[in-house]
Amino acid sequence: MGYAMVSMVIPLWAVAWLGIGLHIFSSYKVLVKMLMGSANLGEVDHSFPPWLPLTSSSSPVCPHPRLHQGTLIQVPGNAGEDGSESHAETPGSETSEESRSYQTCTNTALKVLGGLLLVLCVSSSWVGTTQVVKLTFQSFSCPFFISWFSSNWNILFFPIYYSGLVVTTREKQTPIQKFRECSKLFGEDGMTLKLFVKRTAPFSILWTLTNYLYLMALKKLTATDVSALYCCHKAFVFLLSWIVLKDRFMIVAAIMAITGIVMMAYADGFHGDSFVGVALAVGSASTSALYKVLFKMFLGSANLGEVAHFLSTMGFFNLIFISCVPLILYFTKVEHLGSLSSLPWGYLCGLAGLWLVFNILVHVGVVLTYPILISIGTLLSVPGNAAVDLLKHEVIFSVVRLAATCIICLGFLLLLLPEEWDSVTLRFLANIADKKSEEHGEELTDSSVHTRSRSRANGTVSIPLA
């Protein structure tokens, strides 16, 4: 069964890195064009795939000087008498174009390298979070307390954001001034107590439910199964976006996700801890999808500072209002905490720190690099957890679970494709077929000309039929 597990891990890594390779290849084409001088600054370069946005609406890094926030900047030319454009070739203009091309190449290369590093960091942090949870449960089995304790660390979002802002831009505003500026997310009057509760409570509850259900699922299933089932949140996001936001919907990917869920539940029969664990993991994916759709609906235009402000506010709401839930669970003996000195603070702090790093990478990475890389990094956590479960915990995976995991991951990858990927693929294949037919026609023409010349040299005359 170990060979079967390896045969599953290798294709998942290969397919995920294939998406990264396409991204690198598209960026490489732009670099080559600019270095060879064939990229005209007055044209739009379509070498980037349509599903890889060049920049985010709030991204401080613009990898292409002609494309920033979807706006095309035309380079004016000197119109001649015949109406055609003529560009003055002066040493100064050539130098400026070379420096601009060099700067563009540098920005694109940095963004690609940063994206690859981000993929590894996102995958590693999520694998580390899941595995530390499993280790913590060996000596401390209180999932809601762990979820509450980790969510309190969201308070550090805004201080970390402000520290990075000071280092990179030498921000002159004080933390309080910047905090008030970002508070405009709640309205023109800033954050009031009513808006604080009204805006923060639904998101904080969904956040807590997502983490709590995920931790409960880890008590019933392996880390590989839970991380694979959690990938279904991508299909649920598309389904809710189609219902609420009227976005596109890919029914094939949703069917694959549902098929994988049913197969995972059927692996050990529709009973026992396995079925309960699958239900908990699917519930975590569902609440995560609902959180993301609502976040896009109400805070879709927020910049990085406002997002950091909002997540820190959620941390304060969790600390103030949800602290009563662990106390209720403690006095009702649902979760036995014990004394403060007996708590595994090393595991708890390590888990909360890894969870915080993962959330920071996800929110910052969407702004600084390509969003598809964040999704690929999350997907790579499945083979990462599978490798740890196989090598360290010696988990034996059944064939049904392997097939279910592969189906869910393939459905996840299908959702990363562009909206019209099927028509684009068919058009690409049709172009290849047309080129082959043209080359075949040219070969037939050349062969007929060669035959006619040989017949004339032999003294024979071909009489055409009427």
Protein backbone atom coordinates (compact mmCIF):
# COMPACT_ATOMS: atom_id res chain seq x y z
CA MET A 1 0.00 0.00 0.00
CA GLY A 2 2.99 2.27 0.42
CA TYR A 3 3.64 2.08 -3.33
CA ALA A 4 0.00 2.99 -3.97
CA MET A 5 0.38 6.02 -1.73
CA VAL A 6 3.53 7.09 -3.54
CA SER A 7 1.75 6.65 -6.87
CA MET A 8 -0.91 9.07 -5.62
CA VAL A 9 1.45 11.66 -4.17
CA ILE A 10 3.66 11.94 -7.27
CA PRO A 11 0.83 12.73 -9.76
CA LEU A 12 -0.68 15.33 -7.41
CA TRP A 13 2.67 17.08 -7.05
CA ALA A 14 3.23 16.82 -10.81
CA VAL A 15 -0.14 18.33 -11.73
CA ALA A 16 0.16 21.13 -9.20
CA TRP A 17 3.66 22.03 -10.32
CA LEU A 18 2.45 21.88 -13.93
CA GLY A 19 0.23 24.85 -13.17
CA ILE A 20 3.20 26.67 -11.68
CA GLY A 21 5.26 25.74 -14.75
CA LEU A 22 2.67 27.27 -17.07
CA HIS A 23 2.82 30.43 -15.00
CA ILE A 24 6.63 30.53 -15.20
CA PHE A 25 6.58 29.83 -18.94
CA SER A 26 4.20 32.70 -19.59
CA SER A 27 6.39 35.07 -17.60
CA TYR A 28 9.50 33.74 -19.36
CA LYS A 29 8.00 34.55 -22.75
CA VAL A 30 7.51 38.16 -21.72
CA LEU A 31 11.08 38.37 -20.45
CA VAL A 32 12.47 36.98 -23.71
CA LYS A 33 10.42 39.38 -25.81
CA MET A 34 11.60 42.36 -23.81
CA LEU A 35 15.23 41.31 -23.81
CA MET A 36 15.16 40.70 -27.58
CA GLY A 37 13.50 44.05 -28.17
CA SER A 38 10.40 42.58 -29.82
CA ALA A 39 7.91 43.80 -27.21
CA ASN A 40 6.31 46.96 -28.49
CA LEU A 41 5.28 49.25 -25.66
CA GLY A 42 2.18 50.32 -27.54
CA GLU A 43 0.70 46.83 -27.78
CA VAL A 44 -0.99 44.58 -25.29
CA ASP A 45 0.94 41.43 -24.53
CA HIS A 46 -1.38 38.43 -24.37
CA SER A 47 1.28 35.90 -23.40
CA PHE A 48 -0.04 35.79 -19.83
CA PRO A 49 -2.83 33.26 -19.41
CA PRO A 50 -6.23 34.87 -18.71
CA TRP A 51 -6.57 33.10 -15.36
CA LEU A 52 -3.32 34.59 -14.01
CA PRO A 53 -4.12 38.22 -13.18
CA LEU A 54 -1.09 40.41 -13.59
CA THR A 55 -1.80 42.43 -10.51
CA SER A 56 -4.35 42.84 -7.79
CA SER A 57 -6.46 45.94 -7.37
CA SER A 58 -4.42 46.90 -4.35
CA SER A 59 -1.12 45.39 -5.33
CA PRO A 60 1.88 47.67 -4.85
CA VAL A 61 3.81 45.65 -7.43
CA CYS A 62 2.94 46.08 -11.10
CA PRO A 63 4.78 43.43 -13.14
CA HIS A 64 4.06 45.09 -16.47
CA PRO A 65 4.29 48.87 -16.98
CA ARG A 66 1.62 48.84 -19.66
CA LEU A 67 -0.96 46.97 -17.61
CA HIS A 68 -1.85 48.33 -14.20
CA GLN A 69 -5.25 47.62 -12.67
CA GLY A 70 -6.67 46.71 -16.05
CA THR A 71 -5.77 50.07 -17.68
CA LEU A 72 -3.93 50.23 -20.99
CA ILE A 73 -1.35 53.00 -21.24
CA GLN A 74 -0.62 53.92 -24.83
CA VAL A 75 2.75 55.31 -25.75
CA PRO A 76 2.22 58.36 -27.99
CA GLY A 77 3.98 58.43 -31.31
CA ASN A 78 4.72 61.12 -33.88
CA ALA A 79 2.21 60.91 -36.70
CA GLY A 80 3.62 61.37 -40.18
CA GLU A 81 2.03 63.04 -43.18
CA ASP A 82 0.59 59.77 -44.49
CA GLY A 83 -1.21 59.10 -41.19
CA SER A 84 1.20 56.38 -40.04
CA GLU A 85 2.99 56.58 -36.71
CA SER A 86 6.68 57.18 -36.70
CA HIS A 87 8.77 56.82 -33.58
CA ALA A 88 11.75 59.07 -33.13
CA GLU A 89 14.77 56.92 -32.54
CA THR A 90 16.98 58.99 -30.29
CA PRO A 91 19.63 57.77 -27.86
CA GLY A 92 17.59 59.13 -24.95
CA SER A 93 14.42 57.25 -25.97
CA GLU A 94 16.37 54.02 -26.54
CA THR A 95 17.94 54.34 -23.11
CA SER A 96 14.56 54.97 -21.46
CA GLU A 97 13.02 51.96 -23.25
CA GLU A 98 15.94 49.75 -22.19
CA SER A 99 15.69 50.89 -18.58
CA ARG A 100 11.92 50.38 -18.63
CA SER A 101 12.30 46.89 -20.10
CA TYR A 102 14.97 46.04 -17.54
CA GLN A 103 12.77 47.26 -14.69
CA THR A 104 9.82 45.27 -16.04
CA CYS A 105 11.94 42.12 -16.37
CA THR A 106 13.20 42.55 -12.83
CA ASN A 107 9.69 43.03 -11.41
CA THR A 108 8.33 40.00 -13.27
CA ALA A 109 11.24 37.78 -12.22
CA LEU A 110 10.90 38.86 -8.59
CA LYS A 111 7.18 38.23 -8.65
CA VAL A 112 7.65 34.74 -10.11
CA LEU A 113 10.35 33.81 -7.59
CA GLY A 114 8.31 35.30 -4.76
CA GLY A 115 5.29 33.31 -5.92
CA LEU A 116 7.24 30.03 -5.92
CA LEU A 117 8.56 30.76 -2.45
CA LEU A 118 5.04 31.65 -1.34
CA VAL A 119 3.70 28.31 -2.62
CA LEU A 120 6.22 26.42 -0.50
CA CYS A 121 5.53 28.58 2.56
CA VAL A 122 1.73 28.26 2.29
CA SER A 123 1.92 24.49 1.83
CA SER A 124 4.48 24.01 4.61
CA SER A 125 2.60 26.19 7.11
CA TRP A 126 -0.70 24.40 6.49
CA VAL A 127 0.92 20.96 6.70
CA GLY A 128 2.70 22.03 9.89
CA THR A 129 -0.55 23.36 11.39
CA THR A 130 -2.43 20.12 10.68
CA GLN A 131 0.34 17.88 11.98
CA VAL A 132 0.85 19.93 15.17
CA VAL A 133 -2.89 19.63 15.85
CA LYS A 134 -2.58 15.85 15.67
CA LEU A 135 0.37 15.95 18.09
CA THR A 136 -1.50 18.27 20.46
CA PHE A 137 -4.49 15.92 20.60
CA GLN A 138 -2.25 13.18 22.00
CA SER A 139 -1.97 15.04 25.32
CA PHE A 140 -4.67 17.73 25.16
CA SER A 141 -8.04 16.99 23.58
CA CYS A 142 -9.95 20.28 23.80
CA PRO A 143 -10.67 21.37 20.21
CA PHE A 144 -12.77 24.44 20.99
CA PHE A 145 -10.21 25.84 23.41
CA ILE A 146 -7.51 25.32 20.78
CA SER A 147 -9.65 27.08 18.17
CA TRP A 148 -10.41 29.98 20.54
CA PHE A 149 -6.77 30.34 21.61
CA SER A 150 -5.52 30.34 18.01
CA SER A 151 -8.17 32.84 16.86
CA ASN A 152 -7.04 35.29 19.55
CA TRP A 153 -3.73 35.58 17.74
CA ASN A 154 -5.54 37.37 14.91
CA ILE A 155 -5.12 40.51 17.04
CA LEU A 156 -1.50 40.56 15.83
CA PHE A 157 -2.55 41.05 12.19
CA PHE A 158 -2.62 44.84 12.24
CA PRO A 159 0.58 45.30 14.32
CA ILE A 160 2.44 43.02 11.90
CA TYR A 161 0.99 44.92 8.93
CA TYR A 162 1.99 48.28 10.40
CA SER A 163 5.50 47.03 11.19
CA GLY A 164 5.95 45.87 7.61
CA LEU A 165 4.59 49.16 6.33
CA VAL A 166 7.09 51.12 8.42
CA VAL A 167 10.00 49.00 7.21
CA THR A 168 9.08 49.12 3.51
CA THR A 169 7.62 52.63 3.10
CA ARG A 170 8.84 54.53 6.19
CA GLU A 171 5.30 55.29 7.25
CA LYS A 172 5.05 58.60 9.16
CA GLN A 173 1.59 58.01 10.58
CA THR A 174 1.30 56.74 14.12
CA PRO A 175 -0.33 53.32 14.68
CA ILE A 176 -3.46 54.99 16.06
CA GLN A 177 -3.75 57.30 13.03
CA LYS A 178 -3.31 54.39 10.64
CA PHE A 179 -5.81 52.33 12.60
CA ARG A 180 -8.39 55.12 12.36
CA GLU A 181 -7.71 55.52 8.66
CA CYS A 182 -8.35 51.82 8.07
CA SER A 183 -11.48 52.02 10.24
CA LYS A 184 -13.26 53.72 7.33
CA LEU A 185 -13.97 50.19 6.20
CA PHE A 186 -16.86 50.25 8.68
CA GLY A 187 -18.21 53.55 7.34
CA GLU A 188 -17.38 57.23 7.02
CA ASP A 189 -17.73 57.74 10.77
CA GLY A 190 -15.29 54.95 11.52
CA MET A 191 -15.88 52.02 13.83
CA THR A 192 -18.63 52.32 16.43
CA LEU A 193 -19.75 49.70 18.93
CA LYS A 194 -22.87 48.92 16.91
CA LEU A 195 -20.92 48.50 13.66
CA PHE A 196 -18.22 46.55 15.49
CA VAL A 197 -20.74 43.93 16.63
CA LYS A 198 -22.85 44.00 13.46
CA ARG A 199 -19.98 43.61 10.99
CA THR A 200 -17.62 41.45 13.03
CA ALA A 201 -19.96 38.96 14.71
CA PRO A 202 -21.02 36.94 11.60
CA PHE A 203 -17.47 36.61 10.30
CA SER A 204 -16.05 35.76 13.72
CA ILE A 205 -18.68 33.05 14.25
CA LEU A 206 -18.01 31.53 10.82
CA TRP A 207 -14.25 31.68 11.47
CA THR A 208 -14.66 29.88 14.81
CA LEU A 209 -16.98 27.24 13.33
CA THR A 210 -14.58 26.56 10.45
CA ASN A 211 -11.62 26.03 12.78
CA TYR A 212 -13.60 24.04 15.36
CA LEU A 213 -15.11 21.66 12.80
CA TYR A 214 -11.70 21.21 11.17
CA LEU A 215 -10.15 20.29 14.53
CA MET A 216 -13.02 17.91 15.34
CA ALA A 217 -12.55 16.21 11.97
CA LEU A 218 -8.86 15.69 12.75
CA LYS A 219 -9.89 13.70 15.84
CA LYS A 220 -11.78 11.24 13.62
CA LEU A 221 -9.74 11.07 10.39
CA THR A 222 -6.14 11.26 9.24
CA ALA A 223 -4.56 14.58 8.31
CA THR A 224 -4.52 13.55 4.63
CA ASP A 225 -8.26 12.83 4.52
CA VAL A 226 -9.20 16.05 6.31
CA SER A 227 -6.95 18.25 4.16
CA ALA A 228 -8.33 16.61 1.00
CA LEU A 229 -11.94 17.08 2.10
CA TYR A 230 -11.21 20.68 3.06
CA CYS A 231 -10.20 21.32 -0.57
CA CYS A 232 -13.90 20.95 -1.42
CA HIS A 233 -14.38 24.48 -0.08
CA LYS A 234 -13.27 25.71 -3.51
CA ALA A 235 -16.27 24.01 -5.15
CA PHE A 236 -18.58 25.32 -2.43
CA VAL A 237 -17.26 28.84 -3.00
CA PHE A 238 -18.08 28.60 -6.70
CA LEU A 239 -21.54 27.22 -5.91
CA LEU A 240 -22.34 30.01 -3.44
CA SER A 241 -20.85 32.64 -5.76
CA TRP A 242 -23.09 31.34 -8.54
CA ILE A 243 -26.14 31.61 -6.28
CA VAL A 244 -25.36 34.86 -4.45
CA LEU A 245 -22.96 36.81 -6.69
CA LYS A 246 -24.10 35.38 -10.05
CA ASP A 247 -20.55 34.33 -10.91
CA ARG A 248 -19.60 31.47 -13.20
CA PHE A 249 -20.10 27.90 -12.04
CA MET A 250 -18.34 24.70 -13.14
CA ILE A 251 -20.72 21.82 -12.55
CA VAL A 252 -18.12 19.17 -13.46
CA ALA A 253 -15.83 20.23 -10.61
CA ALA A 254 -18.76 20.28 -8.17
CA ILE A 255 -19.75 16.77 -9.23
CA MET A 256 -16.19 15.58 -8.73
CA ALA A 257 -16.08 17.13 -5.25
CA ILE A 258 -19.38 15.48 -4.26
CA THR A 259 -18.19 12.15 -5.70
CA GLY A 260 -14.98 12.36 -3.67
CA ILE A 261 -16.93 13.13 -0.50
CA VAL A 262 -19.27 10.17 -0.98
CA MET A 263 -16.36 7.83 -1.73
CA MET A 264 -14.50 9.05 1.36
CA ALA A 265 -17.56 8.38 3.52
CA TYR A 266 -18.05 4.96 1.91
CA ALA A 267 -14.44 3.91 2.54
CA ASP A 268 -15.25 2.46 5.97
CA GLY A 269 -19.00 2.20 5.51
CA PHE A 270 -21.64 4.81 6.29
CA HIS A 271 -21.24 4.45 10.02
CA GLY A 272 -18.76 5.03 12.82
CA ASP A 273 -16.11 7.68 13.27
CA SER A 274 -15.22 7.77 9.58
CA PHE A 275 -18.64 9.00 8.48
CA VAL A 276 -18.77 11.54 11.34
CA GLY A 277 -15.29 12.78 10.45
CA VAL A 278 -16.23 13.25 6.79
CA ALA A 279 -19.34 15.19 7.84
CA LEU A 280 -17.27 17.44 10.13
CA ALA A 281 -14.66 18.11 7.43
CA VAL A 282 -17.35 18.92 4.85
CA GLY A 283 -19.00 21.21 7.39
CA SER A 284 -15.69 23.03 7.89
CA ALA A 285 -15.30 23.44 4.13
CA SER A 286 -18.87 24.74 3.86
CA THR A 287 -18.49 27.38 6.58
CA SER A 288 -15.15 28.42 5.07
CA ALA A 289 -16.82 28.87 1.68
CA LEU A 290 -19.64 30.92 3.21
CA TYR A 291 -17.08 33.10 5.02
CA LYS A 292 -15.18 33.78 1.79
CA VAL A 293 -18.28 34.60 -0.23
CA LEU A 294 -19.56 37.01 2.43
CA PHE A 295 -16.10 38.52 2.71
CA LYS A 296 -16.07 39.12 -1.05
CA MET A 297 -19.59 40.56 -0.92
CA PHE A 298 -19.05 43.06 1.88
CA LEU A 299 -15.27 43.64 1.86
CA GLY A 300 -14.31 42.83 -1.72
CA SER A 301 -12.78 46.26 -2.41
CA ALA A 302 -10.79 46.47 0.83
CA ASN A 303 -7.05 47.03 0.64
CA LEU A 304 -4.42 45.18 2.65
CA GLY A 305 -4.50 47.64 5.55
CA GLU A 306 -8.27 47.39 5.88
CA VAL A 307 -8.12 43.59 5.74
CA ALA A 308 -5.48 43.55 8.50
CA HIS A 309 -7.63 45.94 10.53
CA PHE A 310 -10.70 43.75 10.06
CA LEU A 311 -8.91 40.52 11.05
CA SER A 312 -7.46 42.15 14.16
CA THR A 313 -10.97 43.36 15.00
CA MET A 314 -12.19 39.78 14.66
CA GLY A 315 -9.49 38.74 17.11
CA PHE A 316 -10.72 41.31 19.64
CA PHE A 317 -14.32 40.14 19.14
CA ASN A 318 -13.21 36.55 19.73
CA LEU A 319 -11.36 37.53 22.90
CA ILE A 320 -14.21 39.62 24.31
CA PHE A 321 -17.39 37.80 23.34
CA ILE A 322 -16.46 34.18 22.60
CA SER A 323 -14.34 33.68 25.72
CA CYS A 324 -17.46 32.65 27.57
CA VAL A 325 -17.83 29.49 25.46
CA PRO A 326 -14.60 27.77 26.68
CA LEU A 327 -15.65 28.62 30.25
CA ILE A 328 -19.08 27.06 29.73
CA LEU A 329 -17.51 23.94 28.22
CA TYR A 330 -15.09 23.76 31.16
CA PHE A 331 -17.74 24.01 33.90
CA THR A 332 -20.04 21.57 32.10
CA LYS A 333 -17.05 19.18 31.83
CA VAL A 334 -17.38 18.90 28.06
CA GLU A 335 -13.74 19.93 27.73
CA HIS A 336 -11.43 19.28 30.66
CA LEU A 337 -8.64 21.86 30.64
CA GLY A 338 -6.88 21.06 33.91
CA SER A 339 -4.54 23.53 35.58
CA LEU A 340 -2.74 26.25 33.61
CA SER A 341 0.63 24.69 34.35
CA SER A 342 -0.46 21.35 32.87
CA LEU A 343 -1.45 22.79 29.50
CA PRO A 344 0.90 22.02 26.59
CA TRP A 345 1.78 25.67 25.96
CA GLY A 346 4.54 24.76 23.53
CA TYR A 347 2.18 22.92 21.20
CA LEU A 348 -0.55 25.54 21.63
CA CYS A 349 1.71 28.49 20.84
CA GLY A 350 3.36 26.65 17.95
CA LEU A 351 -0.05 25.74 16.51
CA ALA A 352 -1.37 29.29 16.89
CA GLY A 353 1.80 30.73 15.36
CA LEU A 354 1.66 28.44 12.32
CA TRP A 355 -2.03 29.19 11.84
CA LEU A 356 -1.30 32.92 12.00
CA VAL A 357 1.55 32.59 9.48
CA PHE A 358 -0.71 30.66 7.11
CA ASN A 359 -3.45 33.31 7.28
CA ILE A 360 -0.94 36.12 6.78
CA LEU A 361 0.56 34.40 3.75
CA VAL A 362 -2.87 33.82 2.23
CA HIS A 363 -4.07 37.42 2.63
CA VAL A 364 -0.76 39.10 1.76
CA GLY A 365 0.08 36.68 -1.04
CA VAL A 366 -3.12 37.49 -2.94
CA VAL A 367 -2.00 41.13 -3.04
CA LEU A 368 1.69 40.69 -3.79
CA THR A 369 1.60 37.77 -6.21
CA TYR A 370 -0.78 35.66 -8.28
CA PRO A 371 -3.89 34.31 -6.47
CA ILE A 372 -3.65 30.98 -8.28
CA LEU A 373 -0.42 30.25 -6.41
CA ILE A 374 -2.24 30.48 -3.07
CA SER A 375 -4.70 27.84 -4.25
CA ILE A 376 -1.89 25.60 -5.50
CA GLY A 377 -0.08 25.98 -2.17
CA THR A 378 -3.22 24.87 -0.33
CA LEU A 379 -3.60 21.89 -2.66
CA LEU A 380 0.01 20.82 -2.14
CA SER A 381 -0.76 20.34 1.55
CA VAL A 382 -2.63 17.14 0.61
CA PRO A 383 0.44 15.24 -0.71
CA GLY A 384 2.50 16.89 2.03
CA ASN A 385 0.26 15.50 4.77
CA ALA A 386 0.13 12.16 2.95
CA ALA A 387 3.91 11.94 2.97
CA VAL A 388 4.06 12.72 6.71
CA ASP A 389 1.27 10.25 7.53
CA LEU A 390 2.94 7.53 5.48
CA LEU A 391 6.52 8.00 6.65
CA LYS A 392 6.05 9.05 10.29
CA HIS A 393 2.68 7.69 11.40
CA GLU A 394 2.73 4.65 9.06
CA VAL A 395 -0.88 5.18 8.04
CA ILE A 396 -2.31 2.58 5.64
CA PHE A 397 -4.51 4.12 2.95
CA SER A 398 -7.23 2.10 1.25
CA VAL A 399 -7.75 2.18 -2.50
CA VAL A 400 -11.13 3.89 -2.10
CA ARG A 401 -9.60 6.70 -0.03
CA LEU A 402 -6.81 7.16 -2.56
CA ALA A 403 -9.31 7.40 -5.41
CA ALA A 404 -11.50 9.83 -3.45
CA THR A 405 -8.51 12.05 -2.64
CA CYS A 406 -7.41 12.12 -6.28
CA ILE A 407 -10.93 12.97 -7.50
CA ILE A 408 -11.27 15.84 -5.01
CA CYS A 409 -7.86 17.25 -5.94
CA LEU A 410 -8.60 17.00 -9.66
CA GLY A 411 -11.86 18.85 -9.11
CA PHE A 412 -9.95 21.50 -7.18
CA LEU A 413 -7.49 21.90 -10.05
CA LEU A 414 -10.33 22.07 -12.55
CA LEU A 415 -11.69 25.11 -10.73
CA LEU A 416 -8.37 26.89 -11.30
CA LEU A 417 -8.80 26.77 -15.07
CA PRO A 418 -10.07 29.86 -16.94
CA GLU A 419 -13.75 30.32 -17.59
CA GLU A 420 -13.59 29.40 -21.31
CA TRP A 421 -10.80 26.85 -21.05
CA ASP A 422 -12.65 24.28 -23.17
CA SER A 423 -13.24 26.63 -26.10
CA VAL A 424 -9.68 27.92 -25.85
CA THR A 425 -8.32 24.37 -25.90
CA LEU A 426 -10.47 23.41 -28.91
CA ARG A 427 -9.38 26.57 -30.73
CA PHE A 428 -5.75 25.77 -30.00
CA LEU A 429 -6.12 22.20 -31.31
CA ALA A 430 -7.94 23.49 -34.40
CA ASN A 431 -5.09 25.89 -35.12
CA ILE A 432 -2.59 23.05 -34.84
CA ALA A 433 -4.69 20.92 -37.20
CA ASP A 434 -4.93 23.80 -39.71
CA LYS A 435 -1.17 24.30 -39.64
CA LYS A 436 -0.59 20.58 -40.24
CA SER A 437 -3.05 20.57 -43.16
CA GLU A 438 -1.34 23.62 -44.68
CA GLU A 439 2.07 21.98 -44.35
CA HIS A 440 0.70 18.79 -45.90
CA GLY A 441 -0.79 20.79 -48.80
CA GLU A 442 2.52 22.53 -49.42
CA GLU A 443 4.28 19.16 -49.47
CA LEU A 444 1.76 17.84 -52.04
CA THR A 445 2.25 20.95 -54.19
CA ASP A 446 6.01 20.61 -54.10
CA SER A 447 5.80 16.91 -55.01
CA SER A 448 3.42 17.60 -57.96
CA VAL A 449 5.72 20.32 -59.31
CA HIS A 450 8.69 17.97 -59.05
CA THR A 451 6.77 15.20 -60.89
CA ARG A 452 5.70 17.59 -63.68
CA SER A 453 9.26 18.76 -64.21
CA ARG A 454 10.48 15.16 -64.47
CA SER A 455 7.76 14.28 -67.03
CA ARG A 456 8.69 17.26 -69.17
CA ALA A 457 12.33 16.25 -69.06
CA ASN A 458 11.37 12.77 -70.31
CA GLY A 459 9.45 14.24 -73.28
CA THR A 460 5.97 13.26 -72.10
CA VAL A 461 3.03 15.67 -72.23
CA SER A 462 0.14 15.53 -69.83
CA ILE A 463 -3.23 16.28 -71.53
CA PRO A 464 -5.84 17.56 -69.10
CA LEU A 465 -9.29 15.97 -69.19
CA ALA A 466 -12.25 18.13 -70.25
